[in-house]
Amino acid sequence: MQLLADENVETEWVQALRDDGHNVVRVVDVEGLGVSATDPDVLAGATQEIEYS
């Protein structure tokens, strides 16, 4: 499962999910989103079939 974490998700939570085997990417690491991404943009990014790196 791929998860897209909003900028407000604590780094420790993201790391804990990754440690449990989940593919978690923060919006700040996604080109075209970043720290100033609006909620509709984050939702659109989360629903796209994209392989985040």
C-alpha atoms as a PDB file:
ATOM      1  CA  MET A   1       0.000   0.000   0.000  1.00  0.00           C
ATOM      2  CA  GLN A   2       1.255   3.449  -0.852  1.00  0.00           C
ATOM      3  CA  LEU A   3       0.549   6.314   1.521  1.00  0.00           C
ATOM      4  CA  LEU A   4       0.954  10.026   0.940  1.00  0.00           C
ATOM      5  CA  ALA A   5       1.582  11.850   4.210  1.00  0.00           C
ATOM      6  CA  ASP A   6       0.537  15.459   4.560  1.00  0.00           C
ATOM      7  CA  GLU A   7       3.118  17.951   5.794  1.00  0.00           C
ATOM      8  CA  ASN A   8       1.522  17.837   9.260  1.00  0.00           C
ATOM      9  CA  VAL A   9       2.311  14.149   9.791  1.00  0.00           C
ATOM     10  CA  GLU A  10       5.206  13.828  12.201  1.00  0.00           C
ATOM     11  CA  THR A  11       8.446  12.409  10.815  1.00  0.00           C
ATOM     12  CA  GLU A  12       8.413   9.757  13.548  1.00  0.00           C
ATOM     13  CA  TRP A  13       5.005   8.510  12.364  1.00  0.00           C
ATOM     14  CA  VAL A  14       6.184   8.326   8.765  1.00  0.00           C
ATOM     15  CA  GLN A  15       9.269   6.385   9.834  1.00  0.00           C
ATOM     16  CA  ALA A  16       7.227   4.015  12.006  1.00  0.00           C
ATOM     17  CA  LEU A  17       4.964   3.213   9.053  1.00  0.00           C
ATOM     18  CA  ARG A  18       7.992   2.687   6.821  1.00  0.00           C
ATOM     19  CA  ASP A  19       9.544   0.415   9.454  1.00  0.00           C
ATOM     20  CA  ASP A  20       6.345  -1.659   9.336  1.00  0.00           C
ATOM     21  CA  GLY A  21       6.778  -2.097   5.582  1.00  0.00           C
ATOM     22  CA  HIS A  22       4.501   0.604   4.211  1.00  0.00           C
ATOM     23  CA  ASN A  23       5.489   2.774   1.254  1.00  0.00           C
ATOM     24  CA  VAL A  24       5.067   6.270   2.699  1.00  0.00           C
ATOM     25  CA  VAL A  25       5.958   9.489   0.911  1.00  0.00           C
ATOM     26  CA  ARG A  26       5.570  12.976   2.309  1.00  0.00           C
ATOM     27  CA  VAL A  27       3.987  15.686   0.181  1.00  0.00           C
ATOM     28  CA  VAL A  28       7.123  17.793   0.646  1.00  0.00           C
ATOM     29  CA  ASP A  29       9.053  15.131  -1.299  1.00  0.00           C
ATOM     30  CA  VAL A  30       6.676  15.007  -4.274  1.00  0.00           C
ATOM     31  CA  GLU A  31       7.435  17.248  -7.220  1.00  0.00           C
ATOM     32  CA  GLY A  32       4.450  19.470  -7.874  1.00  0.00           C
ATOM     33  CA  LEU A  33       3.104  19.306  -4.326  1.00  0.00           C
ATOM     34  CA  GLY A  34       5.503  20.423  -1.618  1.00  0.00           C
ATOM     35  CA  VAL A  35       4.936  22.253   1.625  1.00  0.00           C
ATOM     36  CA  SER A  36       2.449  24.750   0.180  1.00  0.00           C
ATOM     37  CA  ALA A  37       0.194  22.153  -1.465  1.00  0.00           C
ATOM     38  CA  THR A  38      -3.499  22.753  -0.927  1.00  0.00           C
ATOM     39  CA  ASP A  39      -5.748  20.021   0.443  1.00  0.00           C
ATOM     40  CA  PRO A  40      -7.390  19.468  -2.982  1.00  0.00           C
ATOM     41  CA  ASP A  41      -3.926  19.115  -4.556  1.00  0.00           C
ATOM     42  CA  VAL A  42      -2.845  16.617  -1.897  1.00  0.00           C
ATOM     43  CA  LEU A  43      -6.023  14.613  -2.440  1.00  0.00           C
ATOM     44  CA  ALA A  44      -5.488  14.629  -6.201  1.00  0.00           C
ATOM     45  CA  GLY A  45      -1.897  13.498  -5.741  1.00  0.00           C
ATOM     46  CA  ALA A  46      -2.942  10.733  -3.359  1.00  0.00           C
ATOM     47  CA  THR A  47      -5.525   9.325  -5.761  1.00  0.00           C
ATOM     48  CA  GLN A  48      -3.246   9.213  -8.795  1.00  0.00           C
ATOM     49  CA  GLU A  49      -1.680   5.905  -9.752  1.00  0.00           C
ATOM     50  CA  ILE A  50       1.872   7.197  -9.313  1.00  0.00           C
ATOM     51  CA  GLU A  51       4.912   5.333  -8.107  1.00  0.00           C
ATOM     52  CA  TYR A  52       6.418   7.708  -5.562  1.00  0.00           C
ATOM     53  CA  SER A  53      10.129   7.487  -4.977  1.00  0.00           C
END
